[in-house]
């Protein structure tokens, strides 16, 4: 892509499955909001990974992962302000031209950002994100990728709310490839298991996700037939 982003090389065929040797287990800020069913399903999945021969390490056993978890805990307080800053000008135009077509939620976010965010604050968040990405990149020295929940629980009923985004914020903020497979369930509904890779290693991530799909996705493949 255009600077500062480079293109990731691709091939004409989908990647073959490749099992990871080592995975870092991440909880992120969303773990505190995860349902009991989601937590139990994730713990069971981690057990399956071990049974499949994957060495997994979490925050309890690795100080570097614990430090990463602490850094990820800052996301909820920082990332929304940066996102709202970036949406500020298009939203401002929508509010001026068609205020009745903008939801009250978005109008409230716009007003809060206008009142509490400036360019210096936005640049501070960008500098924090740069350090966070460097910290995460160092995990590649000790793991092939990370595994975490893709959502805090089952999909919410209705259309008023699409669910808590905290399990999806890390991959986007870190700028790394991530893939969720419907390998878990919570209260009878599919729940994603998320694999997260490292920057510019998209193919390696997809190889790992394909392997994970074959390990965890059998019940969902059979249900679709």
C-alpha atoms as a PDB file:
ATOM      1  CA  UNK A   1       0.000   0.000   0.000  1.00  0.00           C
ATOM      2  CA  UNK A   2       0.991   3.671   0.030  1.00  0.00           C
ATOM      3  CA  UNK A   3       3.617   4.877   2.528  1.00  0.00           C
ATOM      4  CA  UNK A   4       4.112   4.160   5.332  1.00  0.00           C
ATOM      5  CA  UNK A   5       2.402   0.833   4.651  1.00  0.00           C
ATOM      6  CA  UNK A   6       4.017  -1.754   2.437  1.00  0.00           C
ATOM      7  CA  UNK A   7       2.260  -4.465   0.465  1.00  0.00           C
ATOM      8  CA  UNK A   8       2.255  -7.988   1.877  1.00  0.00           C
ATOM      9  CA  UNK A   9       3.247 -10.546  -0.779  1.00  0.00           C
ATOM     10  CA  UNK A  10       0.529 -13.030  -1.694  1.00  0.00           C
ATOM     11  CA  UNK A  11       0.086 -16.205  -3.668  1.00  0.00           C
ATOM     12  CA  UNK A  12      -2.652 -17.506  -5.909  1.00  0.00           C
ATOM     13  CA  UNK A  13      -3.561 -20.430  -3.648  1.00  0.00           C
ATOM     14  CA  UNK A  14      -4.843 -20.399  -0.065  1.00  0.00           C
ATOM     15  CA  UNK A  15      -2.230 -21.255   2.550  1.00  0.00           C
ATOM     16  CA  UNK A  16      -1.845 -24.809   3.799  1.00  0.00           C
ATOM     17  CA  UNK A  17      -2.453 -25.388   7.503  1.00  0.00           C
ATOM     18  CA  UNK A  18       0.576 -25.081   9.738  1.00  0.00           C
ATOM     19  CA  UNK A  19       0.534 -25.780  13.451  1.00  0.00           C
ATOM     20  CA  UNK A  20       2.171 -23.192  15.706  1.00  0.00           C
ATOM     21  CA  UNK A  21       4.856 -24.397  18.062  1.00  0.00           C
ATOM     22  CA  UNK A  22       4.398 -21.669  20.671  1.00  0.00           C
ATOM     23  CA  UNK A  23       1.478 -19.348  21.383  1.00  0.00           C
ATOM     24  CA  UNK A  24       1.150 -16.456  23.778  1.00  0.00           C
ATOM     25  CA  UNK A  25      -2.211 -16.485  25.544  1.00  0.00           C
ATOM     26  CA  UNK A  26      -3.673 -12.979  25.821  1.00  0.00           C
ATOM     27  CA  UNK A  27      -6.682 -11.875  27.816  1.00  0.00           C
ATOM     28  CA  UNK A  28      -6.668  -8.107  27.117  1.00  0.00           C
ATOM     29  CA  UNK A  29      -9.019  -5.641  28.769  1.00  0.00           C
ATOM     30  CA  UNK A  30     -12.015  -7.554  27.426  1.00  0.00           C
ATOM     31  CA  UNK A  31     -11.386 -10.513  29.725  1.00  0.00           C
ATOM     32  CA  UNK A  32     -12.896  -8.684  32.693  1.00  0.00           C
ATOM     33  CA  UNK A  33     -16.128  -8.307  30.698  1.00  0.00           C
ATOM     34  CA  UNK A  34     -16.195 -11.835  29.276  1.00  0.00           C
ATOM     35  CA  UNK A  35     -19.096 -14.066  30.247  1.00  0.00           C
ATOM     36  CA  UNK A  36     -18.533 -17.135  32.388  1.00  0.00           C
ATOM     37  CA  UNK A  37     -19.385 -19.294  29.377  1.00  0.00           C
ATOM     38  CA  UNK A  38     -16.870 -17.506  27.154  1.00  0.00           C
ATOM     39  CA  UNK A  39     -14.136 -17.868  29.746  1.00  0.00           C
ATOM     40  CA  UNK A  40     -14.845 -21.552  30.214  1.00  0.00           C
ATOM     41  CA  UNK A  41     -14.872 -22.144  26.444  1.00  0.00           C
ATOM     42  CA  UNK A  42     -11.558 -20.346  26.048  1.00  0.00           C
ATOM     43  CA  UNK A  43      -9.916 -22.284  28.864  1.00  0.00           C
ATOM     44  CA  UNK A  44     -11.115 -25.517  27.268  1.00  0.00           C
ATOM     45  CA  UNK A  45      -9.671 -24.394  23.922  1.00  0.00           C
ATOM     46  CA  UNK A  46      -6.322 -23.708  25.559  1.00  0.00           C
ATOM     47  CA  UNK A  47      -6.412 -27.257  26.886  1.00  0.00           C
ATOM     48  CA  UNK A  48      -7.025 -28.529  23.354  1.00  0.00           C
ATOM     49  CA  UNK A  49      -4.060 -26.536  22.099  1.00  0.00           C
ATOM     50  CA  UNK A  50      -1.842 -28.176  24.681  1.00  0.00           C
ATOM     51  CA  UNK A  51      -3.174 -31.603  23.750  1.00  0.00           C
ATOM     52  CA  UNK A  52      -2.317 -30.824  20.130  1.00  0.00           C
ATOM     53  CA  UNK A  53       1.297 -30.211  21.098  1.00  0.00           C
ATOM     54  CA  UNK A  54       1.289 -26.411  21.180  1.00  0.00           C
ATOM     55  CA  UNK A  55       3.317 -24.828  23.974  1.00  0.00           C
ATOM     56  CA  UNK A  56       1.258 -21.954  25.363  1.00  0.00           C
ATOM     57  CA  UNK A  57       2.314 -19.308  27.837  1.00  0.00           C
ATOM     58  CA  UNK A  58       0.226 -16.685  29.585  1.00  0.00           C
ATOM     59  CA  UNK A  59       0.715 -13.719  31.845  1.00  0.00           C
ATOM     60  CA  UNK A  60       1.216 -15.837  34.941  1.00  0.00           C
ATOM     61  CA  UNK A  61       4.344 -17.517  33.582  1.00  0.00           C
ATOM     62  CA  UNK A  62       5.975 -14.869  31.389  1.00  0.00           C
ATOM     63  CA  UNK A  63       6.782 -11.327  32.604  1.00  0.00           C
ATOM     64  CA  UNK A  64       6.876 -10.058  29.008  1.00  0.00           C
ATOM     65  CA  UNK A  65       3.309 -11.221  28.412  1.00  0.00           C
ATOM     66  CA  UNK A  66       2.214  -9.738  31.733  1.00  0.00           C
ATOM     67  CA  UNK A  67       3.765  -6.416  30.683  1.00  0.00           C
ATOM     68  CA  UNK A  68       1.925  -6.673  27.353  1.00  0.00           C
ATOM     69  CA  UNK A  69      -1.353  -7.304  29.171  1.00  0.00           C
ATOM     70  CA  UNK A  70      -0.769  -4.218  31.307  1.00  0.00           C
ATOM     71  CA  UNK A  71      -0.147  -2.133  28.206  1.00  0.00           C
ATOM     72  CA  UNK A  72      -3.230  -3.514  26.469  1.00  0.00           C
ATOM     73  CA  UNK A  73      -5.225  -2.450  29.508  1.00  0.00           C
ATOM     74  CA  UNK A  74      -4.645   1.188  28.524  1.00  0.00           C
ATOM     75  CA  UNK A  75      -6.413   0.766  25.183  1.00  0.00           C
ATOM     76  CA  UNK A  76      -9.959   1.357  26.328  1.00  0.00           C
ATOM     77  CA  UNK A  77      -8.998   4.739  27.763  1.00  0.00           C
ATOM     78  CA  UNK A  78      -7.003   5.881  24.725  1.00  0.00           C
ATOM     79  CA  UNK A  79      -8.104   4.310  21.451  1.00  0.00           C
ATOM     80  CA  UNK A  80     -11.705   5.643  21.364  1.00  0.00           C
ATOM     81  CA  UNK A  81     -10.412   9.218  21.662  1.00  0.00           C
ATOM     82  CA  UNK A  82      -8.107   8.719  18.675  1.00  0.00           C
ATOM     83  CA  UNK A  83     -10.876   7.114  16.626  1.00  0.00           C
ATOM     84  CA  UNK A  84     -13.294   9.914  17.461  1.00  0.00           C
ATOM     85  CA  UNK A  85     -10.661  12.494  16.526  1.00  0.00           C
ATOM     86  CA  UNK A  86     -10.245  10.854  13.128  1.00  0.00           C
ATOM     87  CA  UNK A  87     -14.038  10.818  12.620  1.00  0.00           C
ATOM     88  CA  UNK A  88     -14.430  14.382  13.831  1.00  0.00           C
ATOM     89  CA  UNK A  89     -14.401  16.154  10.471  1.00  0.00           C
ATOM     90  CA  UNK A  90     -16.651  13.838   8.455  1.00  0.00           C
ATOM     91  CA  UNK A  91     -19.070  13.600  11.381  1.00  0.00           C
ATOM     92  CA  UNK A  92     -19.034  17.363  11.727  1.00  0.00           C
ATOM     93  CA  UNK A  93     -20.017  17.661   8.085  1.00  0.00           C
ATOM     94  CA  UNK A  94     -22.810  15.125   8.486  1.00  0.00           C
ATOM     95  CA  UNK A  95     -24.095  16.982  11.549  1.00  0.00           C
ATOM     96  CA  UNK A  96     -24.102  20.275   9.686  1.00  0.00           C
ATOM     97  CA  UNK A  97     -25.768  18.954   6.525  1.00  0.00           C
ATOM     98  CA  UNK A  98     -28.076  16.215   7.835  1.00  0.00           C
ATOM     99  CA  UNK A  99     -28.192  16.243  11.649  1.00  0.00           C
ATOM    100  CA  UNK A 100     -31.332  14.112  11.728  1.00  0.00           C
ATOM    101  CA  UNK A 101     -29.538  11.260   9.974  1.00  0.00           C
ATOM    102  CA  UNK A 102     -26.759  10.956  12.575  1.00  0.00           C
ATOM    103  CA  UNK A 103     -27.450   8.810  15.621  1.00  0.00           C
ATOM    104  CA  UNK A 104     -27.509  10.420  19.040  1.00  0.00           C
ATOM    105  CA  UNK A 105     -24.665   8.147  20.109  1.00  0.00           C
ATOM    106  CA  UNK A 106     -22.403   9.502  17.379  1.00  0.00           C
ATOM    107  CA  UNK A 107     -23.478  13.079  18.061  1.00  0.00           C
ATOM    108  CA  UNK A 108     -22.585  12.621  21.725  1.00  0.00           C
ATOM    109  CA  UNK A 109     -19.179  11.154  20.839  1.00  0.00           C
ATOM    110  CA  UNK A 110     -18.497  14.041  18.476  1.00  0.00           C
ATOM    111  CA  UNK A 111     -19.415  16.632  21.103  1.00  0.00           C
ATOM    112  CA  UNK A 112     -17.270  14.935  23.746  1.00  0.00           C
ATOM    113  CA  UNK A 113     -14.281  14.794  21.406  1.00  0.00           C
ATOM    114  CA  UNK A 114     -14.659  18.442  20.449  1.00  0.00           C
ATOM    115  CA  UNK A 115     -14.705  19.380  24.128  1.00  0.00           C
ATOM    116  CA  UNK A 116     -11.943  17.132  25.395  1.00  0.00           C
ATOM    117  CA  UNK A 117      -9.466  16.341  22.604  1.00  0.00           C
ATOM    118  CA  UNK A 118      -6.894  18.423  20.749  1.00  0.00           C
ATOM    119  CA  UNK A 119      -4.064  17.777  18.314  1.00  0.00           C
ATOM    120  CA  UNK A 120      -1.470  17.386  21.069  1.00  0.00           C
ATOM    121  CA  UNK A 121      -3.602  14.738  22.730  1.00  0.00           C
ATOM    122  CA  UNK A 122      -4.021  12.883  19.467  1.00  0.00           C
ATOM    123  CA  UNK A 123      -0.279  12.942  18.798  1.00  0.00           C
ATOM    124  CA  UNK A 124       0.347  11.625  22.306  1.00  0.00           C
ATOM    125  CA  UNK A 125      -1.880   8.640  21.547  1.00  0.00           C
ATOM    126  CA  UNK A 126      -0.041   8.000  18.271  1.00  0.00           C
ATOM    127  CA  UNK A 127       3.294   8.003  20.124  1.00  0.00           C
ATOM    128  CA  UNK A 128       1.870   5.604  22.721  1.00  0.00           C
ATOM    129  CA  UNK A 129       0.635   3.329  19.931  1.00  0.00           C
ATOM    130  CA  UNK A 130       4.063   3.287  18.299  1.00  0.00           C
ATOM    131  CA  UNK A 131       5.630   2.095  21.545  1.00  0.00           C
ATOM    132  CA  UNK A 132       2.893  -0.465  22.021  1.00  0.00           C
ATOM    133  CA  UNK A 133       3.532  -1.931  18.574  1.00  0.00           C
ATOM    134  CA  UNK A 134       7.253  -2.215  19.274  1.00  0.00           C
ATOM    135  CA  UNK A 135       6.504  -3.966  22.558  1.00  0.00           C
ATOM    136  CA  UNK A 136       4.174  -6.429  20.863  1.00  0.00           C
ATOM    137  CA  UNK A 137       6.661  -7.118  18.052  1.00  0.00           C
ATOM    138  CA  UNK A 138       9.134  -8.396  20.642  1.00  0.00           C
ATOM    139  CA  UNK A 139       6.736 -11.231  21.485  1.00  0.00           C
ATOM    140  CA  UNK A 140       7.733 -12.769  18.137  1.00  0.00           C
ATOM    141  CA  UNK A 141      10.996 -13.767  19.833  1.00  0.00           C
ATOM    142  CA  UNK A 142       9.081 -16.096  22.134  1.00  0.00           C
ATOM    143  CA  UNK A 143       5.953 -17.136  20.204  1.00  0.00           C
ATOM    144  CA  UNK A 144       4.546 -17.815  16.738  1.00  0.00           C
ATOM    145  CA  UNK A 145       1.510 -15.704  17.500  1.00  0.00           C
ATOM    146  CA  UNK A 146      -1.168 -15.103  20.087  1.00  0.00           C
ATOM    147  CA  UNK A 147      -4.511 -16.648  20.908  1.00  0.00           C
ATOM    148  CA  UNK A 148      -7.412 -14.882  22.593  1.00  0.00           C
ATOM    149  CA  UNK A 149     -11.182 -14.646  22.568  1.00  0.00           C
ATOM    150  CA  UNK A 150     -12.745 -12.889  19.581  1.00  0.00           C
ATOM    151  CA  UNK A 151     -15.653 -11.535  21.641  1.00  0.00           C
ATOM    152  CA  UNK A 152     -16.640 -11.241  25.272  1.00  0.00           C
ATOM    153  CA  UNK A 153     -19.533 -13.656  24.816  1.00  0.00           C
ATOM    154  CA  UNK A 154     -22.448 -14.649  22.652  1.00  0.00           C
ATOM    155  CA  UNK A 155     -23.882 -12.159  20.175  1.00  0.00           C
ATOM    156  CA  UNK A 156     -26.334  -9.771  21.866  1.00  0.00           C
ATOM    157  CA  UNK A 157     -30.015 -10.058  21.043  1.00  0.00           C
ATOM    158  CA  UNK A 158     -31.503  -7.398  18.800  1.00  0.00           C
ATOM    159  CA  UNK A 159     -29.896  -4.616  16.778  1.00  0.00           C
ATOM    160  CA  UNK A 160     -29.488  -1.894  19.391  1.00  0.00           C
ATOM    161  CA  UNK A 161     -25.943  -3.023  20.242  1.00  0.00           C
ATOM    162  CA  UNK A 162     -23.515  -5.154  18.278  1.00  0.00           C
ATOM    163  CA  UNK A 163     -21.408  -6.226  21.257  1.00  0.00           C
ATOM    164  CA  UNK A 164     -18.343  -5.196  23.225  1.00  0.00           C
ATOM    165  CA  UNK A 165     -15.385  -4.408  20.893  1.00  0.00           C
ATOM    166  CA  UNK A 166     -12.618  -4.867  23.460  1.00  0.00           C
ATOM    167  CA  UNK A 167     -11.414  -8.181  22.037  1.00  0.00           C
ATOM    168  CA  UNK A 168     -11.073  -6.624  18.568  1.00  0.00           C
ATOM    169  CA  UNK A 169      -9.319  -3.396  19.527  1.00  0.00           C
ATOM    170  CA  UNK A 170      -5.881  -5.010  20.109  1.00  0.00           C
ATOM    171  CA  UNK A 171      -5.372  -6.310  16.568  1.00  0.00           C
ATOM    172  CA  UNK A 172      -6.483  -3.050  14.971  1.00  0.00           C
ATOM    173  CA  UNK A 173      -4.411  -0.875  17.292  1.00  0.00           C
ATOM    174  CA  UNK A 174      -1.314  -3.046  16.948  1.00  0.00           C
ATOM    175  CA  UNK A 175      -1.630  -3.089  13.150  1.00  0.00           C
ATOM    176  CA  UNK A 176      -1.261  -6.862  12.916  1.00  0.00           C
ATOM    177  CA  UNK A 177      -3.223  -9.567  11.097  1.00  0.00           C
ATOM    178  CA  UNK A 178      -5.894 -11.335  13.129  1.00  0.00           C
ATOM    179  CA  UNK A 179      -8.379 -14.061  12.276  1.00  0.00           C
ATOM    180  CA  UNK A 180     -11.336 -15.363  14.272  1.00  0.00           C
ATOM    181  CA  UNK A 181     -12.721 -18.836  13.688  1.00  0.00           C
ATOM    182  CA  UNK A 182     -16.109 -20.009  15.037  1.00  0.00           C
ATOM    183  CA  UNK A 183     -14.528 -22.743  17.101  1.00  0.00           C
ATOM    184  CA  UNK A 184     -16.178 -22.056  20.474  1.00  0.00           C
ATOM    185  CA  UNK A 185     -19.704 -21.552  21.763  1.00  0.00           C
ATOM    186  CA  UNK A 186     -21.413 -19.605  24.523  1.00  0.00           C
ATOM    187  CA  UNK A 187     -24.993 -20.412  25.538  1.00  0.00           C
ATOM    188  CA  UNK A 188     -25.487 -22.403  22.374  1.00  0.00           C
ATOM    189  CA  UNK A 189     -24.302 -19.689  19.984  1.00  0.00           C
ATOM    190  CA  UNK A 190     -20.993 -19.604  18.050  1.00  0.00           C
ATOM    191  CA  UNK A 191     -18.120 -17.750  19.674  1.00  0.00           C
ATOM    192  CA  UNK A 192     -14.888 -16.890  17.912  1.00  0.00           C
ATOM    193  CA  UNK A 193     -11.422 -18.038  18.853  1.00  0.00           C
ATOM    194  CA  UNK A 194      -8.971 -15.400  17.649  1.00  0.00           C
ATOM    195  CA  UNK A 195      -5.448 -15.954  16.384  1.00  0.00           C
ATOM    196  CA  UNK A 196      -3.267 -12.869  16.126  1.00  0.00           C
ATOM    197  CA  UNK A 197       0.021 -12.691  14.236  1.00  0.00           C
ATOM    198  CA  UNK A 198       2.760 -10.148  13.680  1.00  0.00           C
ATOM    199  CA  UNK A 199       3.106  -7.228  11.297  1.00  0.00           C
ATOM    200  CA  UNK A 200       3.597  -8.188   7.627  1.00  0.00           C
ATOM    201  CA  UNK A 201       3.222 -11.872   8.507  1.00  0.00           C
ATOM    202  CA  UNK A 202      -0.284 -12.285   7.111  1.00  0.00           C
ATOM    203  CA  UNK A 203       0.355 -15.587   5.375  1.00  0.00           C
ATOM    204  CA  UNK A 204       1.858 -17.152   8.494  1.00  0.00           C
ATOM    205  CA  UNK A 205      -1.214 -16.043  10.429  1.00  0.00           C
ATOM    206  CA  UNK A 206      -3.569 -17.565   7.845  1.00  0.00           C
ATOM    207  CA  UNK A 207      -1.635 -20.835   7.904  1.00  0.00           C
ATOM    208  CA  UNK A 208      -2.089 -20.935  11.658  1.00  0.00           C
ATOM    209  CA  UNK A 209      -5.771 -19.990  11.406  1.00  0.00           C
ATOM    210  CA  UNK A 210      -6.394 -22.730   8.836  1.00  0.00           C
ATOM    211  CA  UNK A 211      -4.797 -25.216  11.212  1.00  0.00           C
ATOM    212  CA  UNK A 212      -6.966 -23.875  14.042  1.00  0.00           C
ATOM    213  CA  UNK A 213     -10.096 -24.137  11.909  1.00  0.00           C
ATOM    214  CA  UNK A 214      -9.388 -27.810  11.308  1.00  0.00           C
ATOM    215  CA  UNK A 215      -8.780 -28.377  15.015  1.00  0.00           C
ATOM    216  CA  UNK A 216     -11.719 -26.417  16.432  1.00  0.00           C
ATOM    217  CA  UNK A 217     -14.187 -25.917  13.591  1.00  0.00           C
ATOM    218  CA  UNK A 218     -15.410 -29.477  12.945  1.00  0.00           C
ATOM    219  CA  UNK A 219     -18.767 -29.099  14.768  1.00  0.00           C
ATOM    220  CA  UNK A 220     -19.553 -25.910  12.850  1.00  0.00           C
ATOM    221  CA  UNK A 221     -18.528 -27.392   9.485  1.00  0.00           C
ATOM    222  CA  UNK A 222     -20.777 -30.375  10.100  1.00  0.00           C
ATOM    223  CA  UNK A 223     -23.692 -28.144  11.106  1.00  0.00           C
ATOM    224  CA  UNK A 224     -23.348 -26.219   7.837  1.00  0.00           C
ATOM    225  CA  UNK A 225     -23.622 -29.337   5.675  1.00  0.00           C
END
